[in-house]
């Protein structure tokens, strides 16, 4: 992996580039990316194990919304490897168990773009741009109440955490959401509707032909 970073990003000719897909928890990032037909990397798989030293806590549990809970450098390194060589190994994280439970091999298989989704997606925009592998950075935006409901139903269905903790977390997210969108924009991420997001992918794929 170190050899990849010895290449001047300005001289790098990646096989594919990254489309960062951000958005609040529950905004539909996973649904949007998995329906695209393109390779998808979920940044949630780069969480540290729950017993990793120095993990922040909130709402009676590890604060999984804090960037301190995940391996951003490891995520970017994996993306550089995937876009440069055409394949990479990605961890598999079990959120309910708070730990990595395996790994999977991801291959481009001729794809020119890789979708990268997760609540921490804005954190990698600058790094992927510096590494010469960023194609675009967007954030899905929809009504707050709708996002709150979908997030709560998903978390309850997947039994991610105790219900009372999920409700507290959901309410906190609801009130913090406007600020999150401002933060996304400060990191160079464009706010788009679902329809506009589909247009972004369509235009990128058309230009890559």
N, C-alpha and C. Protein backbone atom coordinates (compact mmCIF):
# COMPACT_ATOMS: atom_id res chain seq x y z
N UNK A 1 0.83 -1.20 0.00
CA UNK A 1 0.00 0.00 0.00
C UNK A 1 0.86 1.26 0.00
N UNK A 2 2.00 1.25 0.73
CA UNK A 2 2.84 2.44 0.81
C UNK A 2 3.30 2.89 -0.56
N UNK A 3 3.54 1.92 -1.47
CA UNK A 3 4.04 2.27 -2.79
C UNK A 3 3.04 3.13 -3.55
N UNK A 4 1.76 2.92 -3.29
CA UNK A 4 0.74 3.71 -3.97
C UNK A 4 0.87 5.18 -3.62
N UNK A 5 1.18 5.47 -2.38
CA UNK A 5 1.25 6.85 -1.93
C UNK A 5 2.57 7.51 -2.30
N UNK A 6 3.54 6.73 -2.84
CA UNK A 6 4.77 7.32 -3.31
C UNK A 6 4.59 7.91 -4.71
N UNK A 7 3.47 7.61 -5.34
CA UNK A 7 3.18 8.18 -6.66
C UNK A 7 2.62 9.58 -6.48
N UNK A 8 3.18 10.54 -7.21
CA UNK A 8 2.66 11.89 -7.17
C UNK A 8 1.22 11.87 -7.68
N UNK A 9 0.24 12.32 -6.86
CA UNK A 9 -1.16 12.29 -7.31
C UNK A 9 -1.37 12.97 -8.66
N UNK A 10 -0.54 13.99 -8.95
CA UNK A 10 -0.68 14.68 -10.23
C UNK A 10 -0.29 13.77 -11.40
N UNK A 11 0.53 12.75 -11.12
CA UNK A 11 0.96 11.81 -12.16
C UNK A 11 0.11 10.55 -12.19
N UNK A 12 -0.79 10.44 -11.22
CA UNK A 12 -1.59 9.22 -11.11
C UNK A 12 -2.66 9.18 -12.21
N UNK A 13 -2.85 8.03 -12.81
CA UNK A 13 -3.88 7.82 -13.81
C UNK A 13 -4.80 6.71 -13.31
N UNK A 14 -5.74 7.05 -12.44
CA UNK A 14 -6.59 6.02 -11.82
C UNK A 14 -7.49 5.32 -12.84
N UNK A 15 -7.79 4.08 -12.55
CA UNK A 15 -8.71 3.31 -13.39
C UNK A 15 -10.14 3.77 -13.16
N UNK A 16 -10.39 4.30 -11.97
CA UNK A 16 -11.73 4.77 -11.61
C UNK A 16 -11.59 5.93 -10.65
N UNK A 17 -12.68 6.67 -10.47
CA UNK A 17 -12.71 7.76 -9.51
C UNK A 17 -13.89 7.60 -8.56
N UNK A 18 -13.82 8.32 -7.47
CA UNK A 18 -14.78 8.20 -6.38
C UNK A 18 -15.88 9.27 -6.48
N UNK A 19 -17.11 8.84 -6.27
CA UNK A 19 -18.22 9.76 -6.09
C UNK A 19 -18.64 9.66 -4.63
N UNK A 20 -18.40 10.70 -3.87
CA UNK A 20 -18.75 10.72 -2.45
C UNK A 20 -20.25 11.01 -2.31
N UNK A 21 -20.95 10.15 -1.59
CA UNK A 21 -22.39 10.32 -1.36
C UNK A 21 -22.62 10.49 0.14
N UNK A 22 -22.86 11.73 0.55
CA UNK A 22 -23.06 12.05 1.96
C UNK A 22 -24.55 12.23 2.25
N UNK A 23 -24.84 12.56 3.50
CA UNK A 23 -26.21 12.78 3.93
C UNK A 23 -26.37 12.36 5.38
N UNK A 24 -27.35 12.93 6.09
CA UNK A 24 -27.59 12.52 7.47
C UNK A 24 -27.96 11.04 7.55
N UNK A 25 -27.77 10.45 8.69
CA UNK A 25 -28.20 9.07 8.90
C UNK A 25 -29.70 8.97 8.61
N UNK A 26 -30.07 8.05 7.71
CA UNK A 26 -31.46 7.88 7.37
C UNK A 26 -31.89 8.60 6.11
N UNK A 27 -30.94 9.26 5.43
CA UNK A 27 -31.29 10.03 4.23
C UNK A 27 -31.40 9.17 2.98
N UNK A 28 -31.03 7.90 3.08
CA UNK A 28 -31.18 7.00 1.94
C UNK A 28 -29.92 6.76 1.15
N UNK A 29 -28.76 7.02 1.75
CA UNK A 29 -27.49 6.85 1.05
C UNK A 29 -27.28 5.42 0.58
N UNK A 30 -27.52 4.46 1.48
CA UNK A 30 -27.29 3.06 1.13
C UNK A 30 -28.24 2.61 0.03
N UNK A 31 -29.49 2.97 0.14
CA UNK A 31 -30.47 2.60 -0.88
C UNK A 31 -30.09 3.18 -2.24
N UNK A 32 -29.70 4.44 -2.25
CA UNK A 32 -29.33 5.09 -3.50
C UNK A 32 -28.12 4.43 -4.14
N UNK A 33 -27.07 4.20 -3.35
CA UNK A 33 -25.83 3.67 -3.92
C UNK A 33 -25.96 2.22 -4.37
N UNK A 34 -26.65 1.39 -3.59
CA UNK A 34 -26.75 -0.02 -3.94
C UNK A 34 -27.61 -0.24 -5.18
N UNK A 35 -28.48 0.70 -5.51
CA UNK A 35 -29.30 0.58 -6.72
C UNK A 35 -28.60 1.10 -7.97
N UNK A 36 -27.41 1.64 -7.81
CA UNK A 36 -26.72 2.28 -8.93
C UNK A 36 -26.11 1.28 -9.91
N UNK A 37 -25.79 0.07 -9.41
CA UNK A 37 -25.10 -0.90 -10.24
C UNK A 37 -23.60 -0.72 -10.27
N UNK A 38 -23.09 0.28 -9.54
CA UNK A 38 -21.66 0.55 -9.47
C UNK A 38 -21.06 -0.04 -8.19
N UNK A 39 -19.75 -0.23 -8.14
CA UNK A 39 -19.12 -0.68 -6.89
C UNK A 39 -19.40 0.33 -5.78
N UNK A 40 -19.68 -0.18 -4.59
CA UNK A 40 -20.03 0.68 -3.45
C UNK A 40 -19.13 0.35 -2.26
N UNK A 41 -18.60 1.37 -1.64
CA UNK A 41 -17.85 1.22 -0.39
C UNK A 41 -18.62 1.97 0.70
N UNK A 42 -18.98 1.25 1.76
CA UNK A 42 -19.64 1.87 2.90
C UNK A 42 -18.59 2.23 3.94
N UNK A 43 -18.51 3.51 4.27
CA UNK A 43 -17.53 3.94 5.26
C UNK A 43 -17.84 3.41 6.65
N UNK A 44 -19.08 2.95 6.88
CA UNK A 44 -19.41 2.33 8.17
C UNK A 44 -18.54 1.11 8.44
N UNK A 45 -18.05 0.47 7.39
CA UNK A 45 -17.22 -0.72 7.57
C UNK A 45 -15.84 -0.37 8.12
N UNK A 46 -15.53 0.92 8.18
CA UNK A 46 -14.23 1.33 8.70
C UNK A 46 -14.30 1.84 10.14
N UNK A 47 -15.44 1.57 10.81
CA UNK A 47 -15.52 1.86 12.24
C UNK A 47 -14.46 1.04 12.99
N UNK A 48 -13.96 1.62 14.07
CA UNK A 48 -13.12 0.85 14.98
C UNK A 48 -14.03 -0.06 15.82
N UNK A 49 -13.46 -1.12 16.38
CA UNK A 49 -14.22 -1.96 17.30
C UNK A 49 -14.65 -1.13 18.51
N UNK A 50 -15.76 -1.54 19.13
CA UNK A 50 -16.32 -0.78 20.24
C UNK A 50 -15.38 -0.62 21.42
N UNK A 51 -14.43 -1.55 21.58
CA UNK A 51 -13.49 -1.46 22.71
C UNK A 51 -12.17 -0.80 22.32
N UNK A 52 -12.15 -0.16 21.15
CA UNK A 52 -10.93 0.54 20.72
C UNK A 52 -10.65 1.67 21.72
N UNK A 53 -9.40 1.87 22.10
CA UNK A 53 -9.05 2.88 23.11
C UNK A 53 -9.48 4.29 22.70
N UNK A 54 -10.07 5.02 23.66
CA UNK A 54 -10.41 6.42 23.44
C UNK A 54 -11.70 6.67 22.70
N UNK A 55 -12.56 5.67 22.56
CA UNK A 55 -13.82 5.86 21.85
C UNK A 55 -14.72 6.83 22.62
N UNK A 56 -15.30 7.84 21.95
CA UNK A 56 -16.19 8.80 22.62
C UNK A 56 -17.55 8.18 22.92
N UNK A 57 -18.24 8.67 23.96
CA UNK A 57 -19.54 8.14 24.35
C UNK A 57 -20.59 9.25 24.39
N UNK A 58 -21.85 8.86 24.09
CA UNK A 58 -22.98 9.78 24.13
C UNK A 58 -24.26 8.95 24.13
N UNK A 59 -25.31 9.46 24.76
CA UNK A 59 -26.60 8.75 24.85
C UNK A 59 -26.44 7.35 25.45
N UNK A 60 -25.52 7.19 26.37
CA UNK A 60 -25.34 5.91 27.04
C UNK A 60 -24.65 4.85 26.22
N UNK A 61 -23.99 5.23 25.14
CA UNK A 61 -23.29 4.25 24.31
C UNK A 61 -22.17 4.97 23.56
N UNK A 62 -21.37 4.20 22.81
CA UNK A 62 -20.34 4.81 21.99
C UNK A 62 -21.01 5.79 21.02
N UNK A 63 -20.41 6.96 20.87
CA UNK A 63 -20.97 7.98 19.97
C UNK A 63 -20.53 7.68 18.54
N UNK A 64 -21.29 6.82 17.89
CA UNK A 64 -20.94 6.37 16.54
C UNK A 64 -21.06 7.50 15.50
N UNK A 65 -21.55 8.64 15.90
CA UNK A 65 -21.63 9.79 14.99
C UNK A 65 -20.38 10.65 15.03
N UNK A 66 -19.43 10.30 15.88
CA UNK A 66 -18.19 11.05 15.99
C UNK A 66 -17.13 10.49 15.03
N UNK A 67 -16.43 11.36 14.29
CA UNK A 67 -15.36 10.89 13.40
C UNK A 67 -14.25 10.16 14.14
N UNK A 68 -14.18 10.32 15.45
CA UNK A 68 -13.14 9.63 16.23
C UNK A 68 -13.38 8.14 16.33
N UNK A 69 -14.55 7.67 15.86
CA UNK A 69 -14.88 6.25 15.98
C UNK A 69 -14.52 5.44 14.73
N UNK A 70 -13.93 6.09 13.73
CA UNK A 70 -13.65 5.34 12.51
C UNK A 70 -12.27 5.65 11.96
N UNK A 71 -11.79 4.78 11.07
CA UNK A 71 -10.45 4.84 10.51
C UNK A 71 -10.48 5.55 9.16
N UNK A 72 -10.44 6.89 9.19
CA UNK A 72 -10.49 7.65 7.95
C UNK A 72 -9.29 7.42 7.06
N UNK A 73 -8.09 7.34 7.65
CA UNK A 73 -6.89 7.12 6.85
C UNK A 73 -6.94 5.76 6.16
N UNK A 74 -7.42 4.76 6.88
CA UNK A 74 -7.54 3.43 6.29
C UNK A 74 -8.53 3.40 5.15
N UNK A 75 -9.63 4.16 5.29
CA UNK A 75 -10.64 4.22 4.24
C UNK A 75 -10.07 4.85 2.98
N UNK A 76 -9.35 5.96 3.12
CA UNK A 76 -8.78 6.63 1.95
C UNK A 76 -7.72 5.75 1.29
N UNK A 77 -6.90 5.09 2.09
CA UNK A 77 -5.87 4.20 1.54
C UNK A 77 -6.51 3.08 0.73
N UNK A 78 -7.61 2.54 1.23
CA UNK A 78 -8.31 1.47 0.52
C UNK A 78 -8.88 1.98 -0.80
N UNK A 79 -9.42 3.19 -0.79
CA UNK A 79 -9.98 3.77 -2.02
C UNK A 79 -8.90 4.04 -3.05
N UNK A 80 -7.75 4.52 -2.61
CA UNK A 80 -6.64 4.75 -3.53
C UNK A 80 -6.22 3.42 -4.16
N UNK A 81 -6.12 2.39 -3.35
CA UNK A 81 -5.74 1.07 -3.87
C UNK A 81 -6.77 0.57 -4.89
N UNK A 82 -8.05 0.69 -4.55
CA UNK A 82 -9.09 0.21 -5.44
C UNK A 82 -9.09 0.97 -6.77
N UNK A 83 -9.01 2.28 -6.70
CA UNK A 83 -9.06 3.10 -7.92
C UNK A 83 -7.78 2.97 -8.75
N UNK A 84 -6.68 2.62 -8.10
CA UNK A 84 -5.39 2.55 -8.80
C UNK A 84 -5.11 1.16 -9.37
N UNK A 85 -5.44 0.13 -8.59
CA UNK A 85 -5.11 -1.24 -9.01
C UNK A 85 -6.31 -2.01 -9.53
N UNK A 86 -7.52 -1.54 -9.20
CA UNK A 86 -8.71 -2.25 -9.65
C UNK A 86 -9.30 -3.19 -8.64
N UNK A 87 -8.66 -3.33 -7.48
CA UNK A 87 -9.19 -4.21 -6.45
C UNK A 87 -8.63 -3.81 -5.09
N UNK A 88 -9.36 -4.19 -4.04
CA UNK A 88 -8.92 -3.88 -2.68
C UNK A 88 -9.72 -4.73 -1.69
N UNK A 89 -9.17 -4.91 -0.50
CA UNK A 89 -9.85 -5.64 0.56
C UNK A 89 -10.49 -4.65 1.52
N UNK A 90 -11.78 -4.86 1.79
CA UNK A 90 -12.56 -3.96 2.63
C UNK A 90 -13.06 -4.72 3.86
N UNK A 91 -12.98 -4.13 5.05
CA UNK A 91 -13.50 -4.81 6.24
C UNK A 91 -15.02 -4.93 6.21
N UNK A 92 -15.54 -5.88 6.95
CA UNK A 92 -16.98 -6.04 7.15
C UNK A 92 -17.27 -5.75 8.61
N UNK A 93 -18.13 -4.77 8.86
CA UNK A 93 -18.40 -4.35 10.24
C UNK A 93 -19.83 -4.71 10.64
N UNK A 94 -19.98 -5.30 11.82
CA UNK A 94 -21.30 -5.62 12.37
C UNK A 94 -21.64 -4.55 13.41
N UNK A 95 -22.55 -3.65 13.04
CA UNK A 95 -22.88 -2.53 13.93
C UNK A 95 -23.50 -3.01 15.24
N UNK A 96 -24.36 -4.01 15.17
CA UNK A 96 -25.00 -4.50 16.40
C UNK A 96 -23.99 -5.14 17.35
N UNK A 97 -22.91 -5.71 16.79
CA UNK A 97 -21.88 -6.34 17.62
C UNK A 97 -20.73 -5.39 17.94
N UNK A 98 -20.73 -4.21 17.32
CA UNK A 98 -19.69 -3.20 17.55
C UNK A 98 -18.28 -3.70 17.22
N UNK A 99 -18.16 -4.46 16.12
CA UNK A 99 -16.82 -4.93 15.76
C UNK A 99 -16.77 -5.41 14.31
N UNK A 100 -15.54 -5.48 13.81
CA UNK A 100 -15.33 -6.04 12.48
C UNK A 100 -15.42 -7.56 12.57
N UNK A 101 -16.12 -8.13 11.61
CA UNK A 101 -16.36 -9.58 11.66
C UNK A 101 -15.78 -10.31 10.46
N UNK A 102 -15.11 -9.60 9.57
CA UNK A 102 -14.53 -10.25 8.41
C UNK A 102 -14.05 -9.23 7.41
N UNK A 103 -13.89 -9.65 6.19
CA UNK A 103 -13.47 -8.76 5.12
C UNK A 103 -13.97 -9.29 3.79
N UNK A 104 -13.99 -8.42 2.79
CA UNK A 104 -14.43 -8.81 1.46
C UNK A 104 -13.53 -8.16 0.42
N UNK A 105 -13.44 -8.81 -0.72
CA UNK A 105 -12.63 -8.30 -1.81
C UNK A 105 -13.54 -7.55 -2.78
N UNK A 106 -13.19 -6.31 -3.08
CA UNK A 106 -13.96 -5.49 -4.01
C UNK A 106 -13.14 -5.30 -5.28
N UNK A 107 -13.76 -5.51 -6.44
CA UNK A 107 -13.09 -5.32 -7.73
C UNK A 107 -13.87 -4.33 -8.58
N UNK A 108 -13.15 -3.53 -9.34
CA UNK A 108 -13.81 -2.57 -10.23
C UNK A 108 -14.56 -3.29 -11.35
N UNK A 109 -13.96 -4.35 -11.87
CA UNK A 109 -14.58 -5.11 -12.95
C UNK A 109 -14.98 -4.19 -14.11
N UNK A 110 -14.12 -3.24 -14.42
CA UNK A 110 -14.36 -2.35 -15.55
C UNK A 110 -15.10 -1.07 -15.22
N UNK A 111 -15.62 -0.94 -14.00
CA UNK A 111 -16.37 0.27 -13.62
C UNK A 111 -15.43 1.47 -13.58
N UNK A 112 -15.94 2.62 -14.00
CA UNK A 112 -15.14 3.84 -14.02
C UNK A 112 -15.36 4.70 -12.77
N UNK A 113 -16.37 4.33 -11.97
CA UNK A 113 -16.66 5.10 -10.77
C UNK A 113 -16.98 4.17 -9.60
N UNK A 114 -16.62 4.62 -8.40
CA UNK A 114 -16.93 3.92 -7.16
C UNK A 114 -17.74 4.86 -6.28
N UNK A 115 -18.87 4.39 -5.78
CA UNK A 115 -19.68 5.21 -4.89
C UNK A 115 -19.25 4.95 -3.45
N UNK A 116 -19.03 6.01 -2.71
CA UNK A 116 -18.59 5.91 -1.31
C UNK A 116 -19.62 6.61 -0.45
N UNK A 117 -20.28 5.85 0.43
CA UNK A 117 -21.35 6.44 1.23
C UNK A 117 -21.11 6.26 2.72
N UNK A 118 -21.71 7.17 3.49
CA UNK A 118 -21.60 7.08 4.94
C UNK A 118 -21.72 8.46 5.57
N UNK A 119 -22.02 8.48 6.86
CA UNK A 119 -22.17 9.78 7.53
C UNK A 119 -20.84 10.53 7.60
N UNK A 120 -19.73 9.80 7.44
CA UNK A 120 -18.42 10.44 7.48
C UNK A 120 -17.89 10.77 6.09
N UNK A 121 -18.71 10.59 5.09
CA UNK A 121 -18.25 10.82 3.71
C UNK A 121 -17.61 12.19 3.49
N UNK A 122 -18.16 13.29 4.08
CA UNK A 122 -17.52 14.60 3.86
C UNK A 122 -16.08 14.66 4.35
N UNK A 123 -15.74 13.79 5.31
CA UNK A 123 -14.39 13.83 5.89
C UNK A 123 -13.32 13.39 4.90
N UNK A 124 -13.70 12.70 3.82
CA UNK A 124 -12.69 12.20 2.89
C UNK A 124 -12.63 13.00 1.60
N UNK A 125 -13.44 14.04 1.48
CA UNK A 125 -13.48 14.82 0.24
C UNK A 125 -12.11 15.43 -0.06
N UNK A 126 -11.54 16.13 0.89
CA UNK A 126 -10.24 16.78 0.66
C UNK A 126 -9.15 15.76 0.34
N UNK A 127 -9.14 14.66 1.09
CA UNK A 127 -8.09 13.65 0.90
C UNK A 127 -8.20 12.97 -0.46
N UNK A 128 -9.41 12.63 -0.87
CA UNK A 128 -9.56 11.97 -2.18
C UNK A 128 -9.27 12.94 -3.32
N UNK A 129 -9.58 14.22 -3.11
CA UNK A 129 -9.23 15.21 -4.13
C UNK A 129 -7.72 15.34 -4.24
N UNK A 130 -7.04 15.40 -3.10
CA UNK A 130 -5.58 15.50 -3.08
C UNK A 130 -4.94 14.29 -3.75
N UNK A 131 -5.53 13.11 -3.54
CA UNK A 131 -4.99 11.88 -4.12
C UNK A 131 -5.35 11.71 -5.60
N UNK A 132 -6.15 12.64 -6.14
CA UNK A 132 -6.47 12.60 -7.55
C UNK A 132 -7.51 11.58 -7.95
N UNK A 133 -8.37 11.17 -6.99
CA UNK A 133 -9.37 10.14 -7.31
C UNK A 133 -10.81 10.61 -7.09
N UNK A 134 -11.02 11.91 -6.85
CA UNK A 134 -12.37 12.41 -6.59
C UNK A 134 -13.03 12.84 -7.89
N UNK A 135 -14.23 12.30 -8.16
CA UNK A 135 -15.02 12.71 -9.32
C UNK A 135 -16.07 13.74 -8.93
N UNK A 136 -16.75 13.54 -7.78
CA UNK A 136 -17.78 14.48 -7.33
C UNK A 136 -18.12 14.16 -5.88
N UNK A 137 -18.75 15.13 -5.22
CA UNK A 137 -19.17 14.95 -3.83
C UNK A 137 -20.55 15.55 -3.66
N UNK A 138 -21.53 14.72 -3.32
CA UNK A 138 -22.92 15.17 -3.18
C UNK A 138 -23.49 14.69 -1.85
N UNK A 139 -24.54 15.37 -1.41
CA UNK A 139 -25.25 14.96 -0.20
C UNK A 139 -26.73 14.91 -0.50
N UNK A 140 -27.36 13.79 -0.16
CA UNK A 140 -28.79 13.64 -0.36
C UNK A 140 -29.55 14.44 0.69
N UNK A 141 -30.53 15.21 0.23
CA UNK A 141 -31.32 16.03 1.15
C UNK A 141 -32.80 15.79 0.93
N UNK A 142 -33.51 15.52 2.03
CA UNK A 142 -34.96 15.40 1.99
C UNK A 142 -35.53 15.93 3.29
N UNK A 143 -36.86 16.06 3.42
CA UNK A 143 -37.45 16.66 4.63
C UNK A 143 -36.97 15.98 5.91
N UNK A 144 -36.73 16.80 6.95
CA UNK A 144 -36.19 16.28 8.21
C UNK A 144 -37.06 15.21 8.84
N UNK A 145 -38.38 15.42 8.85
CA UNK A 145 -39.26 14.45 9.49
C UNK A 145 -39.21 13.11 8.77
N UNK A 146 -39.11 13.17 7.46
CA UNK A 146 -39.00 11.94 6.68
C UNK A 146 -37.71 11.20 7.01
N UNK A 147 -36.61 11.94 7.09
CA UNK A 147 -35.33 11.33 7.45
C UNK A 147 -35.36 10.73 8.85
N UNK A 148 -35.97 11.47 9.79
CA UNK A 148 -36.09 10.98 11.16
C UNK A 148 -36.83 9.64 11.20
N UNK A 149 -37.96 9.56 10.48
CA UNK A 149 -38.78 8.36 10.51
C UNK A 149 -38.06 7.17 9.88
N UNK A 150 -37.46 7.37 8.71
CA UNK A 150 -36.77 6.27 8.05
C UNK A 150 -35.58 5.80 8.86
N UNK A 151 -34.88 6.72 9.50
CA UNK A 151 -33.73 6.35 10.32
C UNK A 151 -34.17 5.51 11.51
N UNK A 152 -35.24 5.95 12.20
CA UNK A 152 -35.70 5.23 13.38
C UNK A 152 -36.21 3.84 13.01
N UNK A 153 -37.00 3.73 11.93
CA UNK A 153 -37.52 2.43 11.52
C UNK A 153 -36.39 1.48 11.12
N UNK A 154 -35.40 2.01 10.43
CA UNK A 154 -34.26 1.17 10.05
C UNK A 154 -33.51 0.66 11.26
N UNK A 155 -33.21 1.57 12.19
CA UNK A 155 -32.42 1.18 13.37
C UNK A 155 -33.17 0.20 14.26
N UNK A 156 -34.49 0.40 14.40
CA UNK A 156 -35.28 -0.53 15.20
C UNK A 156 -35.37 -1.90 14.51
N UNK A 157 -35.57 -1.88 13.21
CA UNK A 157 -35.67 -3.13 12.46
C UNK A 157 -34.39 -3.94 12.53
N UNK A 158 -33.25 -3.24 12.49
CA UNK A 158 -31.97 -3.93 12.54
C UNK A 158 -31.48 -4.16 13.96
N UNK A 159 -32.26 -3.70 14.95
CA UNK A 159 -31.90 -3.86 16.37
C UNK A 159 -30.47 -3.41 16.62
N UNK A 160 -30.16 -2.23 16.07
CA UNK A 160 -28.78 -1.74 16.17
C UNK A 160 -28.37 -1.48 17.61
N UNK A 161 -29.28 -0.86 18.39
CA UNK A 161 -29.00 -0.52 19.78
C UNK A 161 -30.33 -0.59 20.54
N UNK A 162 -30.32 -0.43 21.89
CA UNK A 162 -31.58 -0.41 22.65
C UNK A 162 -32.51 0.68 22.13
N UNK A 163 -33.83 0.42 22.06
CA UNK A 163 -34.79 1.39 21.50
C UNK A 163 -34.71 2.79 22.11
N UNK A 164 -34.56 2.89 23.43
CA UNK A 164 -34.54 4.21 24.06
C UNK A 164 -33.32 5.00 23.59
N UNK A 165 -32.19 4.32 23.40
CA UNK A 165 -30.99 4.99 22.92
C UNK A 165 -31.18 5.45 21.47
N UNK A 166 -31.86 4.62 20.68
CA UNK A 166 -32.10 4.97 19.28
C UNK A 166 -33.02 6.19 19.19
N UNK A 167 -34.03 6.24 20.06
CA UNK A 167 -34.94 7.38 20.05
C UNK A 167 -34.23 8.66 20.44
N UNK A 168 -33.42 8.60 21.49
CA UNK A 168 -32.66 9.78 21.91
C UNK A 168 -31.73 10.24 20.81
N UNK A 169 -31.06 9.30 20.18
CA UNK A 169 -30.14 9.63 19.08
C UNK A 169 -30.90 10.25 17.91
N UNK A 170 -32.08 9.68 17.61
CA UNK A 170 -32.87 10.19 16.51
C UNK A 170 -33.34 11.62 16.73
N UNK A 171 -33.77 11.93 17.95
CA UNK A 171 -34.21 13.29 18.27
C UNK A 171 -33.04 14.27 18.17
N UNK A 172 -31.88 13.84 18.66
CA UNK A 172 -30.69 14.70 18.56
C UNK A 172 -30.35 14.97 17.10
N UNK A 173 -30.44 13.94 16.26
CA UNK A 173 -30.16 14.10 14.84
C UNK A 173 -31.17 15.07 14.19
N UNK A 174 -32.43 14.96 14.61
CA UNK A 174 -33.48 15.79 14.02
C UNK A 174 -33.15 17.28 14.18
N UNK A 175 -32.78 17.67 15.39
CA UNK A 175 -32.49 19.08 15.65
C UNK A 175 -31.14 19.52 15.10
N UNK A 176 -30.23 18.56 14.92
CA UNK A 176 -28.90 18.92 14.43
C UNK A 176 -28.81 18.93 12.90
N UNK A 177 -29.86 18.43 12.23
CA UNK A 177 -29.77 18.22 10.78
C UNK A 177 -29.45 19.48 9.97
N UNK A 178 -30.09 20.63 10.23
CA UNK A 178 -29.73 21.83 9.44
C UNK A 178 -28.24 22.16 9.53
N UNK A 179 -27.69 22.02 10.72
CA UNK A 179 -26.27 22.28 10.89
C UNK A 179 -25.40 21.29 10.14
N UNK A 180 -25.89 20.05 10.04
CA UNK A 180 -25.14 19.04 9.31
C UNK A 180 -25.03 19.41 7.84
N UNK A 181 -26.12 19.90 7.26
CA UNK A 181 -26.08 20.30 5.85
C UNK A 181 -25.12 21.47 5.64
N UNK A 182 -25.10 22.39 6.59
CA UNK A 182 -24.14 23.50 6.48
C UNK A 182 -22.71 22.97 6.54
N UNK A 183 -22.51 21.98 7.38
CA UNK A 183 -21.18 21.38 7.49
C UNK A 183 -20.78 20.69 6.19
N UNK A 184 -21.73 19.94 5.61
CA UNK A 184 -21.44 19.27 4.34
C UNK A 184 -20.95 20.28 3.30
N UNK A 185 -21.67 21.39 3.21
CA UNK A 185 -21.30 22.40 2.22
C UNK A 185 -19.94 23.01 2.50
N UNK A 186 -19.61 23.15 3.78
CA UNK A 186 -18.31 23.71 4.15
C UNK A 186 -17.16 22.79 3.74
N UNK A 187 -17.47 21.50 3.56
CA UNK A 187 -16.46 20.51 3.16
C UNK A 187 -16.43 20.32 1.64
N UNK A 188 -17.20 21.14 0.91
CA UNK A 188 -17.18 21.04 -0.54
C UNK A 188 -18.16 20.04 -1.11
N UNK A 189 -19.20 19.71 -0.35
CA UNK A 189 -20.22 18.75 -0.79
C UNK A 189 -21.46 19.51 -1.26
N UNK A 190 -21.99 19.15 -2.41
CA UNK A 190 -23.18 19.80 -2.96
C UNK A 190 -24.45 19.11 -2.46
N UNK A 191 -25.46 19.88 -2.06
CA UNK A 191 -26.73 19.32 -1.62
C UNK A 191 -27.60 19.06 -2.84
N UNK A 192 -28.15 17.84 -2.94
CA UNK A 192 -28.97 17.48 -4.09
C UNK A 192 -30.17 16.66 -3.63
N UNK A 193 -31.23 16.69 -4.44
CA UNK A 193 -32.37 15.82 -4.22
C UNK A 193 -32.03 14.45 -4.80
N UNK A 194 -32.90 13.46 -4.55
CA UNK A 194 -32.68 12.14 -5.13
C UNK A 194 -32.64 12.22 -6.65
N UNK A 195 -33.56 13.00 -7.23
CA UNK A 195 -33.62 13.13 -8.68
C UNK A 195 -32.34 13.75 -9.23
N UNK A 196 -31.84 14.77 -8.55
CA UNK A 196 -30.60 15.41 -8.98
C UNK A 196 -29.41 14.47 -8.82
N UNK A 197 -29.43 13.64 -7.79
CA UNK A 197 -28.34 12.68 -7.59
C UNK A 197 -28.28 11.69 -8.75
N UNK A 198 -29.44 11.22 -9.19
CA UNK A 198 -29.47 10.31 -10.34
C UNK A 198 -28.92 11.00 -11.59
N UNK A 199 -29.21 12.28 -11.75
CA UNK A 199 -28.70 13.04 -12.89
C UNK A 199 -27.18 13.14 -12.84
N UNK A 200 -26.64 13.32 -11.64
CA UNK A 200 -25.19 13.40 -11.48
C UNK A 200 -24.53 12.13 -12.01
N UNK A 201 -25.04 10.96 -11.58
CA UNK A 201 -24.46 9.70 -12.03
C UNK A 201 -24.63 9.51 -13.53
N UNK A 202 -25.81 9.83 -14.03
CA UNK A 202 -26.07 9.68 -15.46
C UNK A 202 -25.09 10.51 -16.28
N UNK A 203 -24.85 11.75 -15.86
CA UNK A 203 -23.94 12.63 -16.60
C UNK A 203 -22.49 12.16 -16.51
N UNK A 204 -22.10 11.69 -15.33
CA UNK A 204 -20.72 11.19 -15.18
C UNK A 204 -20.48 9.99 -16.07
N UNK A 205 -21.43 9.06 -16.07
CA UNK A 205 -21.28 7.85 -16.89
C UNK A 205 -21.28 8.19 -18.37
N UNK A 206 -22.08 9.16 -18.76
CA UNK A 206 -22.13 9.55 -20.18
C UNK A 206 -20.79 10.15 -20.62
N UNK A 207 -20.19 10.98 -19.76
CA UNK A 207 -18.93 11.61 -20.11
C UNK A 207 -17.76 10.63 -20.12
N UNK A 208 -17.92 9.51 -19.36
CA UNK A 208 -16.82 8.53 -19.26
C UNK A 208 -16.78 7.57 -20.44
N UNK A 209 -17.78 7.60 -21.28
CA UNK A 209 -17.82 6.66 -22.42
C UNK A 209 -16.80 7.02 -23.48
